[in-house]
C-alpha atoms as a PDB file:
ATOM      1  CA  MET A   1     -11.952  54.752 -76.488  1.00  0.00           C
ATOM      2  CA  MET A   2     -11.110  56.623 -73.308  1.00  0.00           C
ATOM      3  CA  ASP A   3     -10.583  55.550 -69.709  1.00  0.00           C
ATOM      4  CA  VAL A   4     -12.263  57.784 -67.145  1.00  0.00           C
ATOM      5  CA  ILE A   5      -9.718  58.929 -64.523  1.00  0.00           C
ATOM      6  CA  ASP A   6     -10.807  60.108 -61.064  1.00  0.00           C
ATOM      7  CA  GLY A   7     -14.491  60.418 -61.950  1.00  0.00           C
ATOM      8  CA  GLY A   8     -13.799  62.567 -65.003  1.00  0.00           C
ATOM      9  CA  LYS A   9     -11.051  64.845 -63.722  1.00  0.00           C
ATOM     10  CA  ASP A  10      -8.949  63.458 -66.546  1.00  0.00           C
ATOM     11  CA  PHE A  11      -9.160  60.860 -69.316  1.00  0.00           C
ATOM     12  CA  ARG A  12      -6.678  58.446 -70.884  1.00  0.00           C
ATOM     13  CA  TYR A  13      -6.818  57.691 -74.577  1.00  0.00           C
ATOM     14  CA  ARG A  14      -7.131  53.910 -74.436  1.00  0.00           C
ATOM     15  CA  LEU A  15      -7.324  53.410 -78.191  1.00  0.00           C
ATOM     16  CA  VAL A  16      -7.180  55.884 -81.043  1.00  0.00           C
ATOM     17  CA  GLY A  17      -8.218  54.475 -84.418  1.00  0.00           C
ATOM     18  CA  THR A  18      -5.716  54.184 -87.238  1.00  0.00           C
ATOM     19  CA  SER A  19      -7.641  56.574 -89.495  1.00  0.00           C
ATOM     20  CA  LEU A  20      -7.710  59.260 -86.805  1.00  0.00           C
ATOM     21  CA  VAL A  21      -3.991  58.779 -86.127  1.00  0.00           C
ATOM     22  CA  GLU A  22      -3.337  59.292 -89.848  1.00  0.00           C
ATOM     23  CA  VAL A  23      -5.510  62.415 -89.961  1.00  0.00           C
ATOM     24  CA  LEU A  24      -4.008  63.912 -86.796  1.00  0.00           C
ATOM     25  CA  ARG A  25      -0.495  62.771 -87.672  1.00  0.00           C
ATOM     26  CA  ARG A  26       0.026  61.632 -84.071  1.00  0.00           C
ATOM     27  CA  ASP A  27      -1.056  58.732 -81.885  1.00  0.00           C
ATOM     28  CA  LEU A  28      -2.481  59.753 -78.518  1.00  0.00           C
ATOM     29  CA  SER A  29      -3.069  56.154 -77.359  1.00  0.00           C
ATOM     30  CA  GLY A  30      -2.015  55.748 -73.724  1.00  0.00           C
ATOM     31  CA  ARG A  31      -1.743  59.482 -73.044  1.00  0.00           C
ATOM     32  CA  LEU A  32      -3.785  61.518 -70.581  1.00  0.00           C
ATOM     33  CA  VAL A  33      -5.770  64.446 -71.940  1.00  0.00           C
ATOM     34  CA  SER A  34      -3.949  66.610 -69.382  1.00  0.00           C
ATOM     35  CA  GLU A  35      -0.645  65.647 -71.069  1.00  0.00           C
ATOM     36  CA  CYS A  36      -1.781  66.694 -74.537  1.00  0.00           C
ATOM     37  CA  ASP A  37      -1.231  70.087 -76.104  1.00  0.00           C
ATOM     38  CA  TYR A  38      -4.746  71.501 -76.459  1.00  0.00           C
ATOM     39  CA  GLY A  39      -3.719  74.988 -75.360  1.00  0.00           C
ATOM     40  CA  GLU A  40      -6.650  77.320 -74.808  1.00  0.00           C
ATOM     41  CA  HIS A  41      -9.052  74.576 -75.951  1.00  0.00           C
ATOM     42  CA  ARG A  42      -8.295  72.149 -73.075  1.00  0.00           C
ATOM     43  CA  ALA A  43     -11.475  73.049 -71.134  1.00  0.00           C
ATOM     44  CA  ASN A  44     -13.627  72.481 -74.222  1.00  0.00           C
ATOM     45  CA  VAL A  45     -11.941  69.124 -74.914  1.00  0.00           C
ATOM     46  CA  LEU A  46     -12.486  67.986 -71.320  1.00  0.00           C
ATOM     47  CA  ASP A  47     -16.103  69.163 -71.458  1.00  0.00           C
ATOM     48  CA  THR A  48     -16.647  67.017 -74.556  1.00  0.00           C
ATOM     49  CA  PHE A  49     -15.406  63.935 -72.711  1.00  0.00           C
ATOM     50  CA  ARG A  50     -17.216  64.729 -69.427  1.00  0.00           C
ATOM     51  CA  ARG A  51     -20.678  65.217 -70.914  1.00  0.00           C
ATOM     52  CA  PRO A  52     -21.418  61.497 -71.439  1.00  0.00           C
ATOM     53  CA  LEU A  53     -20.680  60.957 -67.740  1.00  0.00           C
ATOM     54  CA  GLU A  54     -23.057  63.753 -66.751  1.00  0.00           C
ATOM     55  CA  THR A  55     -25.868  62.814 -69.135  1.00  0.00           C
ATOM     56  CA  ARG A  56     -25.290  59.030 -68.941  1.00  0.00           C
ATOM     57  CA  GLY A  57     -26.006  58.973 -72.666  1.00  0.00           C
ATOM     58  CA  PRO A  58     -24.550  59.845 -76.062  1.00  0.00           C
ATOM     59  CA  VAL A  59     -23.400  63.392 -76.702  1.00  0.00           C
ATOM     60  CA  PHE A  60     -23.326  64.774 -80.236  1.00  0.00           C
ATOM     61  CA  ARG A  61     -21.148  67.688 -81.301  1.00  0.00           C
ATOM     62  CA  ARG A  62     -20.675  69.640 -84.505  1.00  0.00           C
ATOM     63  CA  GLY A  63     -18.340  72.512 -85.156  1.00  0.00           C
ATOM     64  CA  LYS A  64     -15.108  73.681 -86.705  1.00  0.00           C
ATOM     65  CA  VAL A  65     -11.546  73.190 -85.560  1.00  0.00           C
ATOM     66  CA  VAL A  66      -8.226  74.566 -86.737  1.00  0.00           C
ATOM     67  CA  TRP A  67      -6.116  71.704 -88.036  1.00  0.00           C
ATOM     68  CA  LYS A  68      -2.756  71.747 -86.282  1.00  0.00           C
ATOM     69  CA  SER A  69      -0.819  70.392 -89.269  1.00  0.00           C
ATOM     70  CA  ASP A  70      -1.864  73.064 -91.809  1.00  0.00           C
ATOM     71  CA  GLN A  71      -3.760  75.677 -89.749  1.00  0.00           C
ATOM     72  CA  GLN A  72      -6.888  75.280 -91.908  1.00  0.00           C
ATOM     73  CA  TRP A  73     -10.409  75.275 -90.505  1.00  0.00           C
ATOM     74  CA  ARG A  74     -12.255  71.966 -90.872  1.00  0.00           C
ATOM     75  CA  GLY A  75     -15.760  70.998 -89.921  1.00  0.00           C
ATOM     76  CA  TYR A  76     -16.389  67.980 -87.730  1.00  0.00           C
ATOM     77  CA  GLU A  77     -19.178  65.950 -86.213  1.00  0.00           C
ATOM     78  CA  SER A  78     -18.756  63.566 -83.306  1.00  0.00           C
ATOM     79  CA  VAL A  79     -20.621  61.333 -80.927  1.00  0.00           C
ATOM     80  CA  HIS A  80     -19.264  60.273 -77.527  1.00  0.00           C
ATOM     81  CA  CYS A  81     -20.956  57.516 -75.538  1.00  0.00           C
ATOM     82  CA  PRO A  82     -20.505  56.274 -71.965  1.00  0.00           C
ATOM     83  CA  LEU A  83     -19.457  52.692 -71.217  1.00  0.00           C
ATOM     84  CA  ALA A  84     -19.602  50.823 -67.900  1.00  0.00           C
ATOM     85  CA  THR A  85     -17.633  47.627 -67.378  1.00  0.00           C
ATOM     86  CA  ASP A  86     -19.947  46.641 -64.512  1.00  0.00           C
ATOM     87  CA  GLY A  87     -23.087  47.941 -66.253  1.00  0.00           C
ATOM     88  CA  ARG A  88     -23.486  50.844 -63.767  1.00  0.00           C
ATOM     89  CA  SER A  89     -20.341  52.875 -63.096  1.00  0.00           C
ATOM     90  CA  ILE A  90     -19.106  54.703 -66.195  1.00  0.00           C
ATOM     91  CA  ASP A  91     -15.416  53.942 -66.468  1.00  0.00           C
ATOM     92  CA  MET A  92     -14.855  54.410 -70.217  1.00  0.00           C
ATOM     93  CA  THR A  93     -16.235  56.329 -73.151  1.00  0.00           C
ATOM     94  CA  ILE A  94     -16.192  55.597 -76.846  1.00  0.00           C
ATOM     95  CA  GLY A  95     -16.354  58.189 -79.552  1.00  0.00           C
ATOM     96  CA  VAL A  96     -16.558  58.499 -83.301  1.00  0.00           C
ATOM     97  CA  GLN A  97     -15.454  61.596 -85.172  1.00  0.00           C
ATOM     98  CA  ALA A  98     -15.899  62.621 -88.795  1.00  0.00           C
ATOM     99  CA  TYR A  99     -13.740  65.429 -90.139  1.00  0.00           C
ATOM    100  CA  GLN A 100     -14.364  67.404 -93.275  1.00  0.00           C
ATOM    101  CA  HIS A 101     -11.764  67.157 -96.001  1.00  0.00           C
ATOM    102  CA  PRO A 102     -10.807  70.705 -97.042  1.00  0.00           C
ATOM    103  CA  ASP A 103     -12.467  70.154-100.442  1.00  0.00           C
ATOM    104  CA  ALA A 104     -15.504  68.174 -99.232  1.00  0.00           C
ATOM    105  CA  ASP A 105     -19.008  69.067 -98.139  1.00  0.00           C
ATOM    106  CA  LEU A 106     -19.384  68.048 -94.471  1.00  0.00           C
ATOM    107  CA  ARG A 107     -23.107  67.445 -94.903  1.00  0.00           C
ATOM    108  CA  VAL A 108     -22.398  64.699 -97.448  1.00  0.00           C
ATOM    109  CA  ALA A 109     -19.596  63.181 -95.346  1.00  0.00           C
ATOM    110  CA  ALA A 110     -21.694  63.296 -92.164  1.00  0.00           C
ATOM    111  CA  THR A 111     -24.712  61.733 -93.844  1.00  0.00           C
ATOM    112  CA  THR A 112     -22.550  58.860 -95.049  1.00  0.00           C
ATOM    113  CA  TRP A 113     -20.938  58.505 -91.620  1.00  0.00           C
ATOM    114  CA  LEU A 114     -24.199  58.681 -89.674  1.00  0.00           C
ATOM    115  CA  GLY A 115     -25.811  56.193 -92.048  1.00  0.00           C
ATOM    116  CA  ALA A 116     -22.934  53.798 -91.392  1.00  0.00           C
ATOM    117  CA  ILE A 117     -23.452  53.803 -87.594  1.00  0.00           C
ATOM    118  CA  HIS A 118     -27.250  53.523 -87.591  1.00  0.00           C
END
């Protein structure tokens, strides 16, 4: 879950799930995106979080990322959805991400993951 800061100029990681913390080997809970080390990918990360505000609906992504811990490429799929405490003004987002294990087929993992949220 993310808090929207200044209409989407920044975002605060409100809650990062235990499984994601284990995979990333770091807990971003409470930190601003602008404080995190995304390097040249910062604009893309912010775009991912801003899209649900712009579309006022879920945003799905699929791609590959370089894993910081071992520098290996891994596939991922994600969905980010807007939330509004008052039912109108989007002040939070919630997202789910599925990452490919280096030895796994992402299509199988994603099918299992998508089936679990439908």
